[in-house]
Amino acid sequence: MNIVVIIQARVGSTRLPGKIMKKILGKTVLIHDLDRIKEMKTINKIVVATTDLEEDDIIVKAVKGYDGNIGTYRGSESDVLDRYYKAAKEFNASVIVRITSDCPLIDPNVSDLVVEAFLKNDCDYCCNTLPRTFPHGLDTEVFSLDALERVWEEAKSPYEREHVTPYIREDTNKFRRINVKNNDDLTHLRWTLDYPEDFEFITEIYKRIYPKKKIFYMQDILNVLHAEHWLVEINSKYVNR
């Protein structure tokens, strides 16, 4: 079994242009993502799937300069589903882990929990967002190549093609799905990167933890927020977006 993390990444972003190449304490958001995902214990390979646009040459260059063992794939800008499927095929994935590149607080332990749940259960798809109980920004989806291939063949709408998994997530009859829940409902916390306020929040978290602990986890962040609850207010207006 070949378990491959495929991270979608592009420079273009309407809400926060160039967000994954913005730097936090000297490293880009993308490299922080990769640092953290490399700590996962359940995976065999990491692949960054970007577009074939010239503006995304910088992503391929950054990944190759960071770690030559991380694969790269280039494909359609708008048909991200096609990009995912062809990347999975090129790297002989039998199980795909989907993580996006705008989550520099991703917790490798949480992502491992989702992979482990997928492996232990007879399912096509496993995630931690149906319903969401973890903070937004720890999102992890795991699915089989067979399921991805079926979605690639059957999904038709631009929305389904752009967002990869709606065809699985929104049809309760076609796929066997399971969800990993957190013990506490933390959906009021937003740890992903879409807006300037998100970048401010994430930077403040890194300033408090990263100098002492390069790889930190959900509980480390919760400890900071317990001590300085005001930090939650930085991007709280976007919690339900």
C-alpha atoms as a PDB file:
ATOM      1  CA  MET A   1       0.000   0.000   0.000  1.00  0.00           C
ATOM      2  CA  ASN A   2       1.376   3.359  -1.063  1.00  0.00           C
ATOM      3  CA  ILE A   3      -0.048   6.236   1.011  1.00  0.00           C
ATOM      4  CA  VAL A   4       0.653   9.564  -0.665  1.00  0.00           C
ATOM      5  CA  VAL A   5      -0.081  13.041   0.661  1.00  0.00           C
ATOM      6  CA  ILE A   6      -1.031  15.295  -2.228  1.00  0.00           C
ATOM      7  CA  ILE A   7      -0.887  18.982  -1.341  1.00  0.00           C
ATOM      8  CA  GLN A   8      -2.575  21.355  -3.750  1.00  0.00           C
ATOM      9  CA  ALA A   9      -0.696  24.624  -4.070  1.00  0.00           C
ATOM     10  CA  ARG A  10      -0.748  27.688  -6.279  1.00  0.00           C
ATOM     11  CA  VAL A  11       0.454  31.267  -6.015  1.00  0.00           C
ATOM     12  CA  GLY A  12      -2.760  32.788  -7.327  1.00  0.00           C
ATOM     13  CA  SER A  13      -5.338  33.578  -4.657  1.00  0.00           C
ATOM     14  CA  THR A  14      -8.165  36.089  -4.902  1.00  0.00           C
ATOM     15  CA  ARG A  15      -8.446  36.749  -1.167  1.00  0.00           C
ATOM     16  CA  LEU A  16      -4.757  36.810  -0.235  1.00  0.00           C
ATOM     17  CA  PRO A  17      -2.497  36.739  -3.313  1.00  0.00           C
ATOM     18  CA  GLY A  18       0.748  34.813  -2.909  1.00  0.00           C
ATOM     19  CA  LYS A  19      -0.287  33.612   0.538  1.00  0.00           C
ATOM     20  CA  ILE A  20       1.664  30.342   0.545  1.00  0.00           C
ATOM     21  CA  MET A  21       4.892  32.181  -0.291  1.00  0.00           C
ATOM     22  CA  LYS A  22       4.461  34.695   2.521  1.00  0.00           C
ATOM     23  CA  LYS A  23       7.077  34.239   5.235  1.00  0.00           C
ATOM     24  CA  ILE A  24       6.594  33.466   8.897  1.00  0.00           C
ATOM     25  CA  LEU A  25       9.799  33.752  10.939  1.00  0.00           C
ATOM     26  CA  GLY A  26      11.963  33.376   7.855  1.00  0.00           C
ATOM     27  CA  LYS A  27      10.170  30.436   6.205  1.00  0.00           C
ATOM     28  CA  THR A  28       7.360  30.454   3.689  1.00  0.00           C
ATOM     29  CA  VAL A  29       3.938  29.137   4.617  1.00  0.00           C
ATOM     30  CA  LEU A  30       4.456  26.313   2.104  1.00  0.00           C
ATOM     31  CA  ILE A  31       7.698  25.165   3.725  1.00  0.00           C
ATOM     32  CA  HIS A  32       6.162  25.314   7.198  1.00  0.00           C
ATOM     33  CA  ASP A  33       3.377  23.104   5.837  1.00  0.00           C
ATOM     34  CA  LEU A  34       5.875  20.608   4.481  1.00  0.00           C
ATOM     35  CA  ASP A  35       7.927  20.619   7.691  1.00  0.00           C
ATOM     36  CA  ARG A  36       4.844  19.589   9.607  1.00  0.00           C
ATOM     37  CA  ILE A  37       3.473  17.046   7.142  1.00  0.00           C
ATOM     38  CA  LYS A  38       6.852  15.308   7.041  1.00  0.00           C
ATOM     39  CA  GLU A  39       6.277  14.429  10.704  1.00  0.00           C
ATOM     40  CA  MET A  40       3.348  12.178   9.806  1.00  0.00           C
ATOM     41  CA  LYS A  41       4.065   8.514  10.562  1.00  0.00           C
ATOM     42  CA  THR A  42       1.446   6.882   8.333  1.00  0.00           C
ATOM     43  CA  ILE A  43       2.546   8.105   4.909  1.00  0.00           C
ATOM     44  CA  ASN A  44       5.018   6.952   2.277  1.00  0.00           C
ATOM     45  CA  LYS A  45       5.339   9.988   0.023  1.00  0.00           C
ATOM     46  CA  ILE A  46       4.573  13.706  -0.195  1.00  0.00           C
ATOM     47  CA  VAL A  47       3.657  15.328  -3.517  1.00  0.00           C
ATOM     48  CA  VAL A  48       2.960  19.000  -4.165  1.00  0.00           C
ATOM     49  CA  ALA A  49       0.472  19.357  -7.022  1.00  0.00           C
ATOM     50  CA  THR A  50       0.567  22.806  -8.564  1.00  0.00           C
ATOM     51  CA  THR A  51      -0.579  24.321 -11.832  1.00  0.00           C
ATOM     52  CA  ASP A  52       1.130  24.474 -15.197  1.00  0.00           C
ATOM     53  CA  LEU A  53       1.062  28.286 -15.091  1.00  0.00           C
ATOM     54  CA  GLU A  54       4.393  30.078 -15.314  1.00  0.00           C
ATOM     55  CA  GLU A  55       3.649  31.972 -12.094  1.00  0.00           C
ATOM     56  CA  ASP A  56       3.773  28.662 -10.211  1.00  0.00           C
ATOM     57  CA  ASP A  57       7.327  27.864 -11.314  1.00  0.00           C
ATOM     58  CA  ILE A  58       8.324  29.373  -7.968  1.00  0.00           C
ATOM     59  CA  ILE A  59       6.488  26.596  -6.123  1.00  0.00           C
ATOM     60  CA  VAL A  60       8.299  23.812  -7.950  1.00  0.00           C
ATOM     61  CA  LYS A  61      11.626  25.565  -7.402  1.00  0.00           C
ATOM     62  CA  ALA A  62      10.906  26.041  -3.695  1.00  0.00           C
ATOM     63  CA  VAL A  63       9.913  22.399  -3.177  1.00  0.00           C
ATOM     64  CA  LYS A  64      12.931  21.025  -5.023  1.00  0.00           C
ATOM     65  CA  GLY A  65      15.244  23.360  -3.119  1.00  0.00           C
ATOM     66  CA  TYR A  66      13.714  22.283   0.168  1.00  0.00           C
ATOM     67  CA  ASP A  67      13.688  18.478  -0.216  1.00  0.00           C
ATOM     68  CA  GLY A  68      14.412  16.499  -3.355  1.00  0.00           C
ATOM     69  CA  ASN A  69      12.429  13.540  -2.008  1.00  0.00           C
ATOM     70  CA  ILE A  70       9.172  15.481  -2.232  1.00  0.00           C
ATOM     71  CA  GLY A  71       7.479  14.975  -5.577  1.00  0.00           C
ATOM     72  CA  THR A  72       5.918  17.678  -7.711  1.00  0.00           C
ATOM     73  CA  TYR A  73       3.184  17.482 -10.311  1.00  0.00           C
ATOM     74  CA  ARG A  74       1.847  20.203 -12.602  1.00  0.00           C
ATOM     75  CA  GLY A  75      -1.629  20.226 -14.083  1.00  0.00           C
ATOM     76  CA  SER A  76      -4.820  22.171 -14.630  1.00  0.00           C
ATOM     77  CA  GLU A  77      -5.355  25.379 -12.690  1.00  0.00           C
ATOM     78  CA  SER A  78      -9.155  25.092 -12.543  1.00  0.00           C
ATOM     79  CA  ASP A  79      -9.718  21.318 -12.736  1.00  0.00           C
ATOM     80  CA  VAL A  80      -8.019  20.471  -9.456  1.00  0.00           C
ATOM     81  CA  LEU A  81      -9.715  17.067  -9.429  1.00  0.00           C
ATOM     82  CA  ASP A  82      -7.937  16.187 -12.658  1.00  0.00           C
ATOM     83  CA  ARG A  83      -4.684  17.474 -11.188  1.00  0.00           C
ATOM     84  CA  TYR A  84      -5.138  15.294  -8.100  1.00  0.00           C
ATOM     85  CA  TYR A  85      -6.048  12.182 -10.046  1.00  0.00           C
ATOM     86  CA  LYS A  86      -3.137  12.454 -12.458  1.00  0.00           C
ATOM     87  CA  ALA A  87      -0.696  13.204  -9.635  1.00  0.00           C
ATOM     88  CA  ALA A  88      -1.946  10.126  -7.779  1.00  0.00           C
ATOM     89  CA  LYS A  89      -1.485   7.994 -10.878  1.00  0.00           C
ATOM     90  CA  GLU A  90       1.988   9.351 -11.609  1.00  0.00           C
ATOM     91  CA  PHE A  91       3.188   8.536  -8.088  1.00  0.00           C
ATOM     92  CA  ASN A  92       1.409   5.159  -7.905  1.00  0.00           C
ATOM     93  CA  ALA A  93      -0.733   6.103  -4.917  1.00  0.00           C
ATOM     94  CA  SER A  94      -3.177   3.525  -3.611  1.00  0.00           C
ATOM     95  CA  VAL A  95      -4.373   5.812  -0.805  1.00  0.00           C
ATOM     96  CA  ILE A  96      -4.454   9.596  -1.123  1.00  0.00           C
ATOM     97  CA  VAL A  97      -4.255  12.057   1.771  1.00  0.00           C
ATOM     98  CA  ARG A  98      -5.553  15.486   0.808  1.00  0.00           C
ATOM     99  CA  ILE A  99      -4.133  18.490   2.664  1.00  0.00           C
ATOM    100  CA  THR A 100      -4.109  22.027   1.335  1.00  0.00           C
ATOM    101  CA  SER A 101      -1.079  24.316   1.332  1.00  0.00           C
ATOM    102  CA  ASP A 102      -2.751  27.126   3.292  1.00  0.00           C
ATOM    103  CA  CYS A 103      -2.737  25.305   6.635  1.00  0.00           C
ATOM    104  CA  PRO A 104       0.620  26.067   8.310  1.00  0.00           C
ATOM    105  CA  LEU A 105      -0.767  24.935  11.679  1.00  0.00           C
ATOM    106  CA  ILE A 106      -1.681  21.468  10.397  1.00  0.00           C
ATOM    107  CA  ASP A 107      -1.155  18.882  13.138  1.00  0.00           C
ATOM    108  CA  PRO A 108       0.624  15.735  11.872  1.00  0.00           C
ATOM    109  CA  ASN A 109      -0.803  13.715  14.749  1.00  0.00           C
ATOM    110  CA  VAL A 110      -4.367  14.692  13.876  1.00  0.00           C
ATOM    111  CA  SER A 111      -3.748  13.889  10.219  1.00  0.00           C
ATOM    112  CA  ASP A 112      -2.314  10.504  11.246  1.00  0.00           C
ATOM    113  CA  LEU A 113      -5.509   9.802  13.203  1.00  0.00           C
ATOM    114  CA  VAL A 114      -7.552  10.275  10.036  1.00  0.00           C
ATOM    115  CA  VAL A 115      -5.270   7.990   8.021  1.00  0.00           C
ATOM    116  CA  GLU A 116      -5.383   5.338  10.744  1.00  0.00           C
ATOM    117  CA  ALA A 117      -9.187   5.489  10.865  1.00  0.00           C
ATOM    118  CA  PHE A 118      -9.320   5.044   7.099  1.00  0.00           C
ATOM    119  CA  LEU A 119      -7.038   2.008   7.271  1.00  0.00           C
ATOM    120  CA  LYS A 120      -8.953   0.377  10.127  1.00  0.00           C
ATOM    121  CA  ASN A 121     -12.390   0.736   8.550  1.00  0.00           C
ATOM    122  CA  ASP A 122     -13.947  -0.578   5.387  1.00  0.00           C
ATOM    123  CA  CYS A 123     -14.551   2.769   3.746  1.00  0.00           C
ATOM    124  CA  ASP A 124     -13.889   4.788   0.610  1.00  0.00           C
ATOM    125  CA  TYR A 125     -13.383   8.120   2.325  1.00  0.00           C
ATOM    126  CA  CYS A 126     -12.416   9.360   5.777  1.00  0.00           C
ATOM    127  CA  CYS A 127     -12.082  12.932   7.019  1.00  0.00           C
ATOM    128  CA  ASN A 128     -12.315  15.087  10.144  1.00  0.00           C
ATOM    129  CA  THR A 129     -14.839  17.611   8.800  1.00  0.00           C
ATOM    130  CA  LEU A 130     -18.181  15.730   8.470  1.00  0.00           C
ATOM    131  CA  PRO A 131     -19.071  17.318  10.807  1.00  0.00           C
ATOM    132  CA  ARG A 132     -16.145  19.505  11.747  1.00  0.00           C
ATOM    133  CA  THR A 133     -15.051  19.351  15.394  1.00  0.00           C
ATOM    134  CA  PHE A 134     -11.373  20.272  15.011  1.00  0.00           C
ATOM    135  CA  PRO A 135     -10.253  23.863  14.367  1.00  0.00           C
ATOM    136  CA  HIS A 136     -10.547  24.947  10.736  1.00  0.00           C
ATOM    137  CA  GLY A 137      -7.004  24.476   9.457  1.00  0.00           C
ATOM    138  CA  LEU A 138      -6.429  20.888  10.599  1.00  0.00           C
ATOM    139  CA  ASP A 139      -8.557  19.501   7.765  1.00  0.00           C
ATOM    140  CA  THR A 140      -7.469  16.113   6.456  1.00  0.00           C
ATOM    141  CA  GLU A 141      -9.182  13.880   3.899  1.00  0.00           C
ATOM    142  CA  VAL A 142      -8.177  10.326   3.015  1.00  0.00           C
ATOM    143  CA  PHE A 143      -9.580   8.280   0.146  1.00  0.00           C
ATOM    144  CA  SER A 144      -8.716   5.323  -2.028  1.00  0.00           C
ATOM    145  CA  LEU A 145      -7.446   5.602  -5.580  1.00  0.00           C
ATOM    146  CA  ASP A 146     -10.534   3.686  -6.693  1.00  0.00           C
ATOM    147  CA  ALA A 147     -12.785   6.318  -5.103  1.00  0.00           C
ATOM    148  CA  LEU A 148     -10.769   9.154  -6.633  1.00  0.00           C
ATOM    149  CA  GLU A 149     -10.932   7.523 -10.051  1.00  0.00           C
ATOM    150  CA  ARG A 150     -14.687   7.168  -9.791  1.00  0.00           C
ATOM    151  CA  VAL A 151     -15.051  10.826  -8.820  1.00  0.00           C
ATOM    152  CA  TRP A 152     -12.740  11.838 -11.667  1.00  0.00           C
ATOM    153  CA  GLU A 153     -14.939   9.957 -14.130  1.00  0.00           C
ATOM    154  CA  GLU A 154     -18.351  10.989 -12.762  1.00  0.00           C
ATOM    155  CA  ALA A 155     -18.053  14.514 -11.304  1.00  0.00           C
ATOM    156  CA  LYS A 156     -19.122  17.073 -13.890  1.00  0.00           C
ATOM    157  CA  SER A 157     -19.794  20.486 -12.338  1.00  0.00           C
ATOM    158  CA  PRO A 158     -17.051  23.131 -12.151  1.00  0.00           C
ATOM    159  CA  TYR A 159     -17.515  23.234  -8.356  1.00  0.00           C
ATOM    160  CA  GLU A 160     -16.947  19.478  -8.059  1.00  0.00           C
ATOM    161  CA  ARG A 161     -13.891  19.642 -10.308  1.00  0.00           C
ATOM    162  CA  GLU A 162     -12.351  22.629  -8.508  1.00  0.00           C
ATOM    163  CA  HIS A 163     -12.794  21.349  -4.952  1.00  0.00           C
ATOM    164  CA  VAL A 164     -11.928  17.660  -5.540  1.00  0.00           C
ATOM    165  CA  THR A 165     -14.163  15.929  -2.984  1.00  0.00           C
ATOM    166  CA  PRO A 166     -17.697  17.482  -2.975  1.00  0.00           C
ATOM    167  CA  TYR A 167     -18.927  14.593  -5.127  1.00  0.00           C
ATOM    168  CA  ILE A 168     -17.966  12.224  -2.300  1.00  0.00           C
ATOM    169  CA  ARG A 169     -18.926  14.472   0.592  1.00  0.00           C
ATOM    170  CA  GLU A 170     -22.385  15.493  -0.636  1.00  0.00           C
ATOM    171  CA  ASP A 171     -23.741  12.124  -1.811  1.00  0.00           C
ATOM    172  CA  THR A 172     -24.424   9.825   1.122  1.00  0.00           C
ATOM    173  CA  ASN A 173     -25.259   6.783  -0.991  1.00  0.00           C
ATOM    174  CA  LYS A 174     -22.406   6.352  -3.453  1.00  0.00           C
ATOM    175  CA  PHE A 175     -19.452   6.099  -1.077  1.00  0.00           C
ATOM    176  CA  ARG A 176     -18.708   4.553   2.305  1.00  0.00           C
ATOM    177  CA  ARG A 177     -17.686   7.509   4.471  1.00  0.00           C
ATOM    178  CA  ILE A 178     -16.518   7.883   8.048  1.00  0.00           C
ATOM    179  CA  ASN A 179     -15.576  10.880  10.155  1.00  0.00           C
ATOM    180  CA  VAL A 180     -13.003  11.370  12.912  1.00  0.00           C
ATOM    181  CA  LYS A 181     -14.260  13.550  15.758  1.00  0.00           C
ATOM    182  CA  ASN A 182     -12.360  15.495  18.371  1.00  0.00           C
ATOM    183  CA  ASN A 183     -13.350  15.074  22.020  1.00  0.00           C
ATOM    184  CA  ASP A 184     -14.230  18.767  22.250  1.00  0.00           C
ATOM    185  CA  ASP A 185     -15.980  20.919  19.699  1.00  0.00           C
ATOM    186  CA  LEU A 186     -13.367  23.436  18.553  1.00  0.00           C
ATOM    187  CA  THR A 187     -15.181  24.733  15.482  1.00  0.00           C
ATOM    188  CA  HIS A 188     -15.044  28.268  16.873  1.00  0.00           C
ATOM    189  CA  LEU A 189     -11.305  28.327  16.150  1.00  0.00           C
ATOM    190  CA  ARG A 190      -9.959  29.349  12.750  1.00  0.00           C
ATOM    191  CA  TRP A 191      -6.366  28.296  11.988  1.00  0.00           C
ATOM    192  CA  THR A 192      -6.333  28.367   8.186  1.00  0.00           C
ATOM    193  CA  LEU A 193      -4.976  31.083   5.878  1.00  0.00           C
ATOM    194  CA  ASP A 194      -7.291  33.030   3.580  1.00  0.00           C
ATOM    195  CA  TYR A 195      -7.272  36.610   4.833  1.00  0.00           C
ATOM    196  CA  PRO A 196      -4.686  39.091   6.194  1.00  0.00           C
ATOM    197  CA  GLU A 197      -6.142  38.604   9.670  1.00  0.00           C
ATOM    198  CA  ASP A 198      -5.520  34.858   9.396  1.00  0.00           C
ATOM    199  CA  PHE A 199      -1.881  35.543   8.560  1.00  0.00           C
ATOM    200  CA  GLU A 200      -1.615  37.860  11.548  1.00  0.00           C
ATOM    201  CA  PHE A 201      -3.100  35.229  13.853  1.00  0.00           C
ATOM    202  CA  ILE A 202      -0.893  32.399  12.562  1.00  0.00           C
ATOM    203  CA  THR A 203       2.201  34.589  12.813  1.00  0.00           C
ATOM    204  CA  GLU A 204       1.405  35.410  16.439  1.00  0.00           C
ATOM    205  CA  ILE A 205       1.092  31.686  17.209  1.00  0.00           C
ATOM    206  CA  TYR A 206       4.442  30.954  15.556  1.00  0.00           C
ATOM    207  CA  LYS A 207       6.136  33.778  17.460  1.00  0.00           C
ATOM    208  CA  ARG A 208       5.061  32.235  20.739  1.00  0.00           C
ATOM    209  CA  ILE A 209       5.888  28.583  20.078  1.00  0.00           C
ATOM    210  CA  TYR A 210       8.210  28.062  17.090  1.00  0.00           C
ATOM    211  CA  PRO A 211      11.445  29.480  18.594  1.00  0.00           C
ATOM    212  CA  LYS A 212      11.263  26.846  21.353  1.00  0.00           C
ATOM    213  CA  LYS A 213       9.500  23.997  19.571  1.00  0.00           C
ATOM    214  CA  LYS A 214       9.840  23.712  15.790  1.00  0.00           C
ATOM    215  CA  ILE A 215       7.086  21.124  15.429  1.00  0.00           C
ATOM    216  CA  PHE A 216       4.190  21.934  17.697  1.00  0.00           C
ATOM    217  CA  TYR A 217       0.716  20.483  17.958  1.00  0.00           C
ATOM    218  CA  MET A 218      -2.910  21.351  18.513  1.00  0.00           C
ATOM    219  CA  GLN A 219      -2.594  21.219  22.280  1.00  0.00           C
ATOM    220  CA  ASP A 220       0.384  23.591  22.227  1.00  0.00           C
ATOM    221  CA  ILE A 221      -1.733  26.136  20.360  1.00  0.00           C
ATOM    222  CA  LEU A 222      -4.674  25.626  22.693  1.00  0.00           C
ATOM    223  CA  ASN A 223      -2.369  26.292  25.643  1.00  0.00           C
ATOM    224  CA  VAL A 224      -1.327  29.604  24.108  1.00  0.00           C
ATOM    225  CA  LEU A 225      -4.946  30.574  23.432  1.00  0.00           C
ATOM    226  CA  HIS A 226      -5.914  29.678  26.985  1.00  0.00           C
ATOM    227  CA  ALA A 227      -3.225  32.049  28.280  1.00  0.00           C
ATOM    228  CA  GLU A 228      -3.921  34.790  25.727  1.00  0.00           C
ATOM    229  CA  HIS A 229      -7.510  34.381  24.682  1.00  0.00           C
ATOM    230  CA  TRP A 230      -7.523  37.746  22.893  1.00  0.00           C
ATOM    231  CA  LEU A 231      -5.575  36.155  20.023  1.00  0.00           C
ATOM    232  CA  VAL A 232      -8.732  34.345  18.914  1.00  0.00           C
ATOM    233  CA  GLU A 233     -10.333  37.707  18.146  1.00  0.00           C
ATOM    234  CA  ILE A 234      -7.771  38.569  15.443  1.00  0.00           C
ATOM    235  CA  ASN A 235      -9.575  36.552  12.752  1.00  0.00           C
ATOM    236  CA  SER A 236     -12.795  35.625  14.531  1.00  0.00           C
ATOM    237  CA  LYS A 237     -15.007  37.446  12.008  1.00  0.00           C
ATOM    238  CA  TYR A 238     -14.105  34.795   9.425  1.00  0.00           C
ATOM    239  CA  VAL A 239     -14.841  31.736  11.573  1.00  0.00           C
ATOM    240  CA  ASN A 240     -17.955  30.709   9.633  1.00  0.00           C
ATOM    241  CA  ARG A 241     -16.537  31.363   6.175  1.00  0.00           C
END
